[in-house]
Amino acid sequence: MSSRRDFLKLAAATAASCFLPDSISKAATIFGSKMLKINVAGGQPKPNIIFLHADDLGYADLGCMGSDLHQTPNIDGLKSDSLWFTNAYSTHSTCAPSRIGIMTGKYPARLGVVNNGVNNQLTGQYTLAQAMKEAGYITCHLGKWHIGNNSQRPELRGFDVSIGSNQKGMPASFFYPFGNSGGKKVPDLDQFPPGSHLTDCLTEKAVRYIREHKGETFFMNFCYYAVHTPIQALSKKVAKYKALITPGLRHDDAPYAGLTEHLDDSVGRILSTLDEVGIADKTIVVFFSDNGGTPRTDNYPMRDSKGMPYEGGTRVPMFVRWKGVTTAGDSCDVPVIGIDIYPTFVSMAGGKINPQCGVLDGVSLTGVMKKTESKIDRSLHWLRYPVKTHYVHNTKPPWVSLPYGAMRKGNYKIIEKFYTGPDGKQAAGYELYDLKKDLSETTNLANSMPAKRDELIAEMKAWRKSVNAPVFDYHMYD
């Protein structure tokens, strides 16, 4: 070798040809910090992205979020190692519209979706999965889909691999064969023995995928069926929590606690697998829930539950572990919402928003994560006209899911309750809350702050017009 400079050039070329961050790191250790300037394919190696998407997980269902019963050490550990978005919201208070918002980056109302009655709304949409493939990722979907069948299936909407998706909002059973009377309701899991738990089976598939593709750049969309009904857990987990329940606990449902622990076990296995195969440092992990918890759980300090206009219906846990960017144990109070996930993931991937996307309502949160931005100046919106199957819930009478519109702007939240006919179930009216002073939404300020109320009502109605949202018709509830 004629000189040390030539030697370093050769070493750099050798390390770069490996296309593996650990090879580059080792070379940097040997040959000096200049090696850190090596780019892969013209830029820094793209991070893998794993989206862990819980179903119906309430704001306070985790130990780290205040549960007095549920033991969730793995998710608690993820939160401790992540940036916690304290004001994170689902795009809708029920499953399917929330998921459509994530896959399109658009408010569901813009696509005509105001309830769980979803059919072909992804037609013509450039999905998140397609955007990630364009950015150079292989893509994998596991678990619940619930936003279209036939031509709308995940493997036809940008995912290279789809595992365990059956378009249902829930499994018939969490135990193999995941159906009634022996009928298999969740596909792709035939190799597991009778009695296997669905969450564990999907996790095993996810772990295998990570191991098989550890040398590639992947986007994994892991959508759990847990903790949606049916609330089922292994008997040993149920027995464990029955023994832990004492009078006065806010969370006192042993099967629900057991199912939550299954979810936590899964997250633990995913995180430990990333460590084992050596890609934890190059993998972004995002944890989120599709909407607030059901009446079966306790969402305190948030008011009410899934399907409702209050914080308990839409405020959710959201943690982002992006090593080298986010700070472990840090928190961010900027209000964010599910439609932000699309542009955020594309930005994390170093991609660009394809013109085929059309209008995106979500915004990238990477600036907030990198602390180059301190706020996002906008309002957040929700619109729900429930179908009859989600109209009245009898889990904890008299909990009733009724049509509403809502908007958060700054610390204020305005709610419009729509008139539902002469039976008197719901009169038309407005509610206004200051979330900074009244997180539990106990004091309606609509009458005492008429100027603020009217300002927010005008903006909320202007937004509905701007997205061409469906017009409410109370006759659907006759």
Protein backbone atom coordinates (compact mmCIF):
# COMPACT_ATOMS: atom_id res chain seq x y z
CA MET A 1 0.00 0.00 0.00
CA SER A 2 1.59 3.27 -1.13
CA SER A 3 0.19 5.39 1.66
CA ARG A 4 -2.09 5.40 4.66
CA ARG A 5 -4.60 7.45 2.60
CA ASP A 6 -4.79 4.72 -0.05
CA PHE A 7 -5.21 2.12 2.63
CA LEU A 8 -8.14 4.03 4.15
CA LYS A 9 -9.76 4.42 0.74
CA LEU A 10 -9.56 0.68 0.16
CA ALA A 11 -10.92 -0.05 3.62
CA ALA A 12 -13.78 2.36 3.02
CA ALA A 13 -14.67 0.73 -0.28
CA THR A 14 -14.58 -2.71 1.31
CA ALA A 15 -16.87 -1.71 4.18
CA ALA A 16 -19.29 0.13 1.89
CA SER A 17 -19.59 -2.87 -0.37
CA CYS A 18 -21.01 -4.88 2.51
CA PHE A 19 -24.07 -2.61 2.70
CA LEU A 20 -24.35 -3.54 6.38
CA PRO A 21 -24.26 -0.91 9.16
CA ASP A 22 -22.46 -3.29 11.56
CA SER A 23 -19.70 -3.79 8.99
CA ILE A 24 -19.36 -0.04 8.65
CA SER A 25 -19.31 0.40 12.41
CA LYS A 26 -16.55 -2.21 12.82
CA ALA A 27 -14.54 -0.61 10.04
CA ALA A 28 -14.95 2.79 11.67
CA THR A 29 -13.62 1.40 14.91
CA ILE A 30 -10.56 -0.01 13.16
CA PHE A 31 -9.78 2.76 10.69
CA GLY A 32 -10.87 5.92 12.50
CA SER A 33 -13.84 8.26 12.72
CA LYS A 34 -13.50 9.37 9.07
CA MET A 35 -15.09 6.06 8.16
CA LEU A 36 -18.40 7.28 9.60
CA LYS A 37 -18.79 9.44 6.51
CA ILE A 38 -19.36 6.34 4.41
CA ASN A 39 -22.82 6.37 2.83
CA VAL A 40 -24.72 3.37 1.62
CA ALA A 41 -26.20 3.73 -1.87
CA GLY A 42 -25.54 7.45 -1.80
CA GLY A 43 -26.90 8.12 1.70
CA GLN A 44 -26.92 6.89 5.25
CA PRO A 45 -28.40 3.38 5.61
CA LYS A 46 -32.17 3.56 5.78
CA PRO A 47 -33.67 2.47 9.10
CA ASN A 48 -36.08 -0.42 9.34
CA ILE A 49 -39.47 0.68 10.65
CA ILE A 50 -41.69 -1.49 12.84
CA PHE A 51 -45.17 -0.18 13.61
CA LEU A 52 -46.71 -1.97 16.61
CA HIS A 53 -50.40 -1.18 16.34
CA ALA A 54 -52.58 -2.28 19.27
CA ASP A 55 -56.35 -2.68 18.95
CA ASP A 56 -58.68 -0.95 21.44
CA LEU A 57 -55.86 -0.39 23.94
CA GLY A 58 -56.95 2.32 26.36
CA TYR A 59 -54.84 5.30 27.39
CA ALA A 60 -54.35 3.93 30.91
CA ASP A 61 -54.13 0.20 30.10
CA LEU A 62 -50.36 0.02 30.51
CA GLY A 63 -48.41 -0.03 33.73
CA CYS A 64 -46.38 2.98 32.56
CA MET A 65 -49.60 4.86 31.80
CA GLY A 66 -51.18 4.34 35.20
CA SER A 67 -52.82 0.91 35.30
CA ASP A 68 -53.10 -0.40 38.84
CA LEU A 69 -53.34 -4.05 37.73
CA HIS A 70 -51.89 -4.71 34.27
CA GLN A 71 -48.26 -5.77 34.20
CA THR A 72 -46.59 -4.57 31.00
CA PRO A 73 -42.83 -4.44 31.68
CA ASN A 74 -41.80 -4.71 28.03
CA ILE A 75 -43.96 -1.86 26.77
CA ASP A 76 -43.05 0.13 29.89
CA GLY A 77 -39.41 -0.41 28.96
CA LEU A 78 -40.07 0.68 25.39
CA LYS A 79 -41.65 3.90 26.68
CA SER A 80 -38.63 4.53 28.90
CA ASP A 81 -36.39 4.14 25.85
CA SER A 82 -38.58 6.28 23.60
CA LEU A 83 -40.05 9.69 22.94
CA TRP A 84 -43.54 9.71 24.46
CA PHE A 85 -46.17 11.79 22.66
CA THR A 86 -48.38 12.82 25.57
CA ASN A 87 -51.08 14.30 23.32
CA ALA A 88 -51.38 11.52 20.74
CA TYR A 89 -54.76 10.81 19.16
CA SER A 90 -56.30 8.21 16.92
CA THR A 91 -57.86 9.57 13.73
CA HIS A 92 -61.25 8.17 14.72
CA SER A 93 -62.80 6.64 17.80
CA THR A 94 -63.42 3.28 16.10
CA CYS A 95 -61.24 0.77 14.27
CA ALA A 96 -61.70 0.89 10.51
CA PRO A 97 -61.75 4.68 9.96
CA SER A 98 -58.70 5.04 12.19
CA ARG A 99 -56.80 2.50 10.10
CA ILE A 100 -57.84 4.14 6.84
CA GLY A 101 -56.39 7.38 8.16
CA ILE A 102 -53.06 5.68 8.84
CA MET A 103 -52.89 3.95 5.46
CA THR A 104 -53.79 7.09 3.46
CA GLY A 105 -52.58 10.00 5.59
CA LYS A 106 -56.04 11.52 5.15
CA TYR A 107 -58.93 12.25 7.43
CA PRO A 108 -61.43 9.41 6.94
CA ALA A 109 -64.20 11.97 6.39
CA ARG A 110 -62.35 13.18 3.28
CA LEU A 111 -62.85 9.68 1.89
CA GLY A 112 -66.47 9.55 2.98
CA VAL A 113 -65.72 7.33 5.97
CA VAL A 114 -67.49 8.31 9.18
CA ASN A 115 -68.11 4.87 10.68
CA ASN A 116 -66.98 1.24 10.56
CA GLY A 117 -68.97 0.56 7.40
CA VAL A 118 -65.92 0.47 5.13
CA ASN A 119 -65.98 -0.71 1.52
CA ASN A 120 -63.45 0.09 -1.20
CA GLN A 121 -62.30 3.39 0.30
CA LEU A 122 -58.69 2.50 -0.55
CA THR A 123 -59.52 2.42 -4.26
CA GLY A 124 -57.48 5.08 -6.01
CA GLN A 125 -55.44 5.82 -2.88
CA TYR A 126 -51.64 5.64 -2.85
CA THR A 127 -51.15 3.76 0.40
CA LEU A 128 -48.46 4.00 3.04
CA ALA A 129 -47.23 0.57 2.00
CA GLN A 130 -46.85 1.71 -1.61
CA ALA A 131 -44.98 4.80 -0.47
CA MET A 132 -42.59 2.70 1.61
CA LYS A 133 -41.91 0.38 -1.32
CA GLU A 134 -41.14 3.42 -3.47
CA ALA A 135 -38.68 4.51 -0.77
CA GLY A 136 -36.82 1.21 -1.17
CA TYR A 137 -38.41 -0.96 1.53
CA ILE A 138 -39.71 -4.49 1.53
CA THR A 139 -43.07 -4.48 3.27
CA CYS A 140 -44.87 -6.87 5.59
CA HIS A 141 -48.33 -6.71 7.15
CA LEU A 142 -49.30 -8.94 10.06
CA GLY A 143 -52.68 -9.23 11.76
CA LYS A 144 -55.79 -7.11 11.65
CA TRP A 145 -56.53 -5.18 8.46
CA HIS A 146 -60.25 -4.33 8.59
CA ILE A 147 -60.19 -1.75 5.79
CA GLY A 148 -61.29 -3.75 2.77
CA ASN A 149 -61.36 -7.19 1.26
CA ASN A 150 -60.91 -8.54 -2.28
CA SER A 151 -59.01 -5.85 -4.22
CA GLN A 152 -58.43 -3.96 -0.97
CA ARG A 153 -56.43 -6.71 0.70
CA PRO A 154 -52.99 -5.74 2.09
CA GLU A 155 -51.08 -7.84 -0.45
CA LEU A 156 -52.83 -5.86 -3.22
CA ARG A 157 -52.31 -2.49 -1.56
CA GLY A 158 -48.52 -2.40 -1.36
CA PHE A 159 -47.50 -5.12 1.07
CA ASP A 160 -45.14 -7.79 -0.24
CA VAL A 161 -46.26 -10.17 2.50
CA SER A 162 -49.56 -10.40 4.39
CA ILE A 163 -49.96 -12.76 7.34
CA GLY A 164 -53.04 -13.40 9.45
CA SER A 165 -55.34 -10.84 7.84
CA ASN A 166 -58.97 -11.81 7.37
CA GLN A 167 -60.69 -8.40 7.07
CA LYS A 168 -62.68 -9.07 10.23
CA GLY A 169 -62.63 -6.59 13.05
CA MET A 170 -61.91 -9.39 15.50
CA PRO A 171 -61.15 -13.09 15.60
CA ALA A 172 -63.94 -15.50 16.49
CA SER A 173 -61.55 -16.85 19.10
CA PHE A 174 -58.02 -16.03 20.27
CA PHE A 175 -57.30 -19.76 20.48
CA TYR A 176 -56.37 -21.94 17.53
CA PRO A 177 -58.05 -22.51 15.12
CA PHE A 178 -59.36 -19.00 15.92
CA GLY A 179 -62.93 -19.78 14.98
CA ASN A 180 -66.16 -21.35 16.15
CA SER A 181 -66.88 -25.10 15.91
CA GLY A 182 -63.42 -25.74 14.52
CA GLY A 183 -63.78 -23.18 11.74
CA LYS A 184 -60.50 -21.43 10.96
CA LYS A 185 -61.09 -17.65 10.84
CA VAL A 186 -57.54 -16.29 10.72
CA PRO A 187 -55.40 -17.52 7.78
CA ASP A 188 -51.70 -18.39 7.48
CA LEU A 189 -51.37 -19.92 10.94
CA ASP A 190 -52.09 -23.60 10.28
CA GLN A 191 -48.77 -24.85 11.62
CA PHE A 192 -49.57 -23.96 15.24
CA PRO A 193 -50.99 -26.56 17.63
CA PRO A 194 -54.50 -26.46 19.12
CA GLY A 195 -54.81 -24.08 22.02
CA SER A 196 -52.18 -21.66 20.70
CA HIS A 197 -52.95 -18.01 21.39
CA LEU A 198 -53.40 -15.79 18.34
CA THR A 199 -51.14 -13.01 19.64
CA ASP A 200 -48.34 -15.49 20.29
CA CYS A 201 -48.72 -17.06 16.83
CA LEU A 202 -48.58 -13.72 15.02
CA THR A 203 -45.55 -12.79 17.11
CA GLU A 204 -43.77 -15.98 16.08
CA LYS A 205 -44.41 -15.07 12.45
CA ALA A 206 -43.10 -11.55 13.05
CA VAL A 207 -39.95 -12.87 14.71
CA ARG A 208 -39.29 -15.23 11.80
CA TYR A 209 -39.73 -12.38 9.35
CA ILE A 210 -37.22 -10.21 11.22
CA ARG A 211 -34.67 -13.01 11.34
CA GLU A 212 -35.09 -13.85 7.65
CA HIS A 213 -34.87 -10.21 6.50
CA LYS A 214 -32.39 -8.76 8.97
CA GLY A 215 -30.01 -7.92 6.14
CA GLU A 216 -32.67 -6.01 4.17
CA THR A 217 -34.52 -2.77 4.79
CA PHE A 218 -38.06 -3.52 5.85
CA PHE A 219 -41.29 -1.88 6.98
CA MET A 220 -43.36 -4.10 9.27
CA ASN A 221 -46.97 -3.19 9.94
CA PHE A 222 -47.81 -5.39 12.94
CA CYS A 223 -51.50 -4.85 13.69
CA TYR A 224 -52.58 -6.82 16.75
CA TYR A 225 -56.07 -8.17 17.29
CA ALA A 226 -55.45 -7.65 21.00
CA VAL A 227 -56.98 -6.23 23.10
CA HIS A 228 -60.21 -6.27 21.08
CA THR A 229 -62.97 -8.71 21.96
CA PRO A 230 -63.28 -11.60 22.50
CA ILE A 231 -61.32 -10.99 25.70
CA GLN A 232 -59.38 -14.26 26.00
CA ALA A 233 -56.03 -15.14 27.52
CA LEU A 234 -54.23 -18.31 28.56
CA SER A 235 -55.74 -19.69 31.76
CA LYS A 236 -52.49 -19.22 33.70
CA LYS A 237 -52.51 -15.51 32.94
CA VAL A 238 -56.15 -15.14 33.94
CA ALA A 239 -55.49 -17.01 37.20
CA LYS A 240 -52.50 -14.77 37.89
CA TYR A 241 -54.57 -11.60 37.71
CA LYS A 242 -57.52 -13.03 39.59
CA ALA A 243 -55.12 -13.52 42.48
CA LEU A 244 -53.90 -9.92 42.18
CA ILE A 245 -57.27 -8.19 42.14
CA THR A 246 -58.24 -6.44 45.36
CA PRO A 247 -61.19 -4.17 46.19
CA GLY A 248 -60.87 -0.62 44.95
CA LEU A 249 -58.71 -1.23 41.88
CA ARG A 250 -59.71 0.74 38.80
CA HIS A 251 -58.64 -2.18 36.63
CA ASP A 252 -60.25 -5.36 37.91
CA ASP A 253 -60.83 -7.55 34.85
CA ALA A 254 -58.54 -10.61 34.95
CA PRO A 255 -59.12 -11.86 31.35
CA TYR A 256 -58.56 -8.34 30.02
CA ALA A 257 -55.37 -8.01 32.06
CA GLY A 258 -54.22 -11.38 30.72
CA LEU A 259 -54.85 -10.35 27.12
CA THR A 260 -52.94 -7.13 27.74
CA GLU A 261 -50.05 -9.22 29.03
CA HIS A 262 -50.10 -11.27 25.82
CA LEU A 263 -49.65 -7.98 23.96
CA ASP A 264 -46.78 -7.03 26.24
CA ASP A 265 -45.12 -10.42 25.78
CA SER A 266 -45.24 -9.89 22.04
CA VAL A 267 -43.63 -6.47 22.19
CA GLY A 268 -40.92 -7.95 24.40
CA ARG A 269 -40.18 -10.69 21.87
CA ILE A 270 -39.98 -8.20 19.00
CA LEU A 271 -37.55 -5.97 20.89
CA SER A 272 -35.38 -8.86 22.07
CA THR A 273 -35.23 -10.28 18.54
CA LEU A 274 -33.97 -6.95 17.21
CA ASP A 275 -31.21 -7.11 19.82
CA GLU A 276 -30.38 -10.74 19.07
CA VAL A 277 -29.97 -10.24 15.33
CA GLY A 278 -28.05 -6.99 15.80
CA ILE A 279 -30.40 -4.52 14.12
CA ALA A 280 -31.94 -2.71 17.10
CA ASP A 281 -29.84 0.41 16.43
CA LYS A 282 -31.04 0.62 12.83
CA THR A 283 -34.71 -0.09 13.51
CA ILE A 284 -37.29 2.53 14.43
CA VAL A 285 -40.05 1.16 16.66
CA VAL A 286 -43.38 2.97 16.98
CA PHE A 287 -46.12 1.87 19.39
CA PHE A 288 -49.69 3.14 18.93
CA SER A 289 -53.35 2.19 19.48
CA ASP A 290 -56.11 2.47 16.90
CA ASN A 291 -58.54 4.18 19.31
CA GLY A 292 -59.34 4.51 22.98
CA GLY A 293 -60.21 1.63 25.26
CA THR A 294 -63.68 0.10 25.44
CA PRO A 295 -66.04 0.47 28.40
CA ARG A 296 -64.63 -2.81 29.68
CA THR A 297 -61.50 -1.00 30.81
CA ASP A 298 -60.91 2.22 32.77
CA ASN A 299 -59.41 5.08 30.77
CA TYR A 300 -59.01 7.48 33.72
CA PRO A 301 -58.10 10.32 33.74
CA MET A 302 -59.66 10.38 30.28
CA ARG A 303 -63.44 10.57 30.10
CA ASP A 304 -65.46 7.79 28.49
CA SER A 305 -64.42 5.19 25.94
CA LYS A 306 -64.09 3.99 22.38
CA GLY A 307 -66.69 5.46 20.05
CA MET A 308 -67.26 8.55 22.17
CA PRO A 309 -66.25 12.18 21.49
CA TYR A 310 -64.31 12.55 24.74
CA GLU A 311 -60.60 12.00 25.33
CA GLY A 312 -61.16 8.38 26.36
CA GLY A 313 -62.36 7.65 22.83
CA THR A 314 -59.32 8.97 20.97
CA ARG A 315 -56.36 9.76 23.30
CA VAL A 316 -53.91 6.87 22.99
CA PRO A 317 -50.39 5.81 24.01
CA MET A 318 -47.73 6.64 21.40
CA PHE A 319 -44.02 5.90 21.83
CA VAL A 320 -41.28 6.35 19.22
CA ARG A 321 -37.85 4.77 19.65
CA TRP A 322 -35.55 6.16 16.99
CA LYS A 323 -32.03 5.56 18.22
CA GLY A 324 -29.72 8.47 17.54
CA VAL A 325 -32.65 10.84 17.06
CA THR A 326 -35.14 10.58 19.93
CA THR A 327 -33.98 10.82 23.54
CA ALA A 328 -34.83 7.97 25.89
CA GLY A 329 -37.40 9.04 28.48
CA ASP A 330 -38.23 12.31 26.70
CA SER A 331 -41.78 13.51 26.10
CA CYS A 332 -43.48 15.80 23.60
CA ASP A 333 -46.69 17.68 24.31
CA VAL A 334 -47.44 18.62 20.69
CA PRO A 335 -50.88 17.25 19.72
CA VAL A 336 -50.45 14.60 17.01
CA ILE A 337 -52.86 12.26 15.27
CA GLY A 338 -52.90 8.94 13.38
CA ILE A 339 -52.89 10.54 9.92
CA ASP A 340 -49.41 11.89 10.74
CA ILE A 341 -47.95 8.39 10.65
CA TYR A 342 -47.96 8.21 6.83
CA PRO A 343 -45.86 11.33 6.11
CA THR A 344 -43.72 10.65 9.18
CA PHE A 345 -42.72 7.16 8.04
CA VAL A 346 -42.04 8.38 4.50
CA SER A 347 -39.82 11.11 5.93
CA MET A 348 -38.02 8.65 8.21
CA ALA A 349 -37.39 6.50 5.13
CA GLY A 350 -35.85 9.42 3.28
CA GLY A 351 -38.64 9.28 0.71
CA LYS A 352 -40.84 11.89 -0.87
CA ILE A 353 -44.62 12.14 -1.00
CA ASN A 354 -45.72 10.84 -4.38
CA PRO A 355 -48.07 13.20 -6.29
CA GLN A 356 -50.45 10.25 -6.63
CA CYS A 357 -51.23 10.73 -2.93
CA GLY A 358 -53.17 13.89 -3.69
CA VAL A 359 -54.02 15.91 -0.58
CA LEU A 360 -52.45 14.64 2.64
CA ASP A 361 -54.01 15.85 5.89
CA GLY A 362 -51.26 14.44 8.09
CA VAL A 363 -47.92 16.13 8.67
CA SER A 364 -44.48 14.67 9.28
CA LEU A 365 -43.42 14.58 12.93
CA THR A 366 -39.73 14.10 12.18
CA GLY A 367 -39.02 17.78 12.79
CA VAL A 368 -40.58 17.54 16.24
CA MET A 369 -38.63 14.36 16.95
CA LYS A 370 -35.37 15.98 15.86
CA LYS A 371 -36.30 19.15 17.81
CA THR A 372 -35.97 21.34 14.76
CA GLU A 373 -39.65 22.19 15.27
CA SER A 374 -41.31 22.94 18.59
CA LYS A 375 -44.95 23.04 17.54
CA ILE A 376 -47.35 22.26 14.72
CA ASP A 377 -49.90 24.98 14.07
CA ARG A 378 -53.17 23.28 13.14
CA SER A 379 -56.43 21.90 14.50
CA LEU A 380 -57.37 18.22 14.84
CA HIS A 381 -60.74 16.90 13.69
CA TRP A 382 -63.06 13.95 14.24
CA LEU A 383 -66.42 13.05 12.69
CA ARG A 384 -68.49 10.00 13.49
CA TYR A 385 -71.95 8.86 12.42
CA PRO A 386 -72.08 5.35 13.91
CA VAL A 387 -73.71 2.47 12.08
CA LYS A 388 -76.36 0.58 14.00
CA THR A 389 -73.95 -2.14 15.10
CA HIS A 390 -71.98 0.52 16.96
CA TYR A 391 -74.97 2.60 18.01
CA VAL A 392 -75.79 1.11 21.40
CA HIS A 393 -73.29 -0.88 23.46
CA ASN A 394 -74.55 -2.91 26.37
CA THR A 395 -71.20 -3.80 27.94
CA LYS A 396 -71.73 -1.28 30.72
CA PRO A 397 -75.22 0.25 30.37
CA PRO A 398 -76.16 2.96 29.70
CA TRP A 399 -73.04 3.61 27.58
CA VAL A 400 -74.36 4.72 24.20
CA SER A 401 -72.33 5.65 21.12
CA LEU A 402 -74.01 8.57 19.40
CA PRO A 403 -73.10 10.73 16.36
CA TYR A 404 -70.78 13.66 16.89
CA GLY A 405 -68.20 15.99 15.44
CA ALA A 406 -65.23 17.29 17.42
CA MET A 407 -62.19 19.51 17.02
CA ARG A 408 -59.16 20.30 19.14
CA LYS A 409 -57.43 23.66 18.67
CA GLY A 410 -54.71 24.54 21.13
CA ASN A 411 -55.94 23.58 24.56
CA TYR A 412 -59.62 23.83 23.63
CA LYS A 413 -61.89 21.08 22.39
CA ILE A 414 -65.31 21.66 20.88
CA ILE A 415 -67.87 18.85 20.53
CA GLU A 416 -71.05 18.92 18.48
CA LYS A 417 -73.68 16.35 19.35
CA PHE A 418 -76.09 15.66 16.51
CA TYR A 419 -79.83 15.35 16.97
CA THR A 420 -80.93 11.73 16.62
CA GLY A 421 -84.67 12.03 16.19
CA PRO A 422 -87.84 12.37 18.24
CA ASP A 423 -87.01 9.44 20.54
CA GLY A 424 -84.89 11.86 22.55
CA LYS A 425 -81.73 9.73 22.69
CA GLN A 426 -79.59 12.77 21.94
CA ALA A 427 -80.50 16.42 21.61
CA ALA A 428 -78.41 18.72 19.46
CA GLY A 429 -75.87 20.75 21.36
CA TYR A 430 -72.28 21.86 21.88
CA GLU A 431 -69.71 21.23 24.57
CA LEU A 432 -66.45 23.13 25.09
CA TYR A 433 -63.56 22.04 27.28
CA ASP A 434 -60.18 23.46 28.26
CA LEU A 435 -58.03 20.34 28.21
CA LYS A 436 -55.10 22.02 29.92
CA LYS A 437 -57.18 22.78 33.00
CA ASP A 438 -59.75 20.02 32.69
CA LEU A 439 -58.26 16.88 31.17
CA SER A 440 -61.23 14.77 32.31
CA GLU A 441 -63.70 17.08 30.53
CA THR A 442 -65.90 17.70 33.54
CA THR A 443 -66.80 21.38 33.01
CA ASN A 444 -68.65 22.41 29.85
CA LEU A 445 -67.63 25.99 28.96
CA ALA A 446 -69.94 26.38 25.96
CA ASN A 447 -72.26 28.83 27.71
CA SER A 448 -69.65 30.69 29.75
CA MET A 449 -67.29 31.24 26.77
CA PRO A 450 -69.65 31.95 23.84
CA ALA A 451 -67.04 33.81 21.74
CA LYS A 452 -64.57 30.92 21.88
CA ARG A 453 -67.38 28.43 21.33
CA ASP A 454 -68.61 30.18 18.19
CA GLU A 455 -65.09 30.65 16.84
CA LEU A 456 -64.39 26.93 17.10
CA ILE A 457 -67.80 25.91 15.74
CA ALA A 458 -67.22 28.04 12.65
CA GLU A 459 -63.80 26.50 12.04
CA MET A 460 -65.10 22.97 12.62
CA LYS A 461 -67.93 23.41 10.13
CA ALA A 462 -65.63 25.05 7.59
CA TRP A 463 -63.33 22.01 7.84
CA ARG A 464 -66.20 19.62 7.12
CA LYS A 465 -67.06 21.60 4.02
CA SER A 466 -63.42 21.71 2.90
CA VAL A 467 -63.08 17.91 2.97
CA ASN A 468 -66.56 17.36 1.54
CA ALA A 469 -67.54 15.30 4.57
CA PRO A 470 -70.83 13.37 4.47
CA VAL A 471 -73.76 15.40 5.77
CA PHE A 472 -75.43 14.00 8.86
CA ASP A 473 -78.98 12.68 8.49
CA TYR A 474 -80.71 11.67 11.71
CA HIS A 475 -83.21 9.48 9.80
CA MET A 476 -80.52 6.78 9.69
CA TYR A 477 -81.33 6.23 13.37
CA ASP A 478 -85.12 5.97 12.97
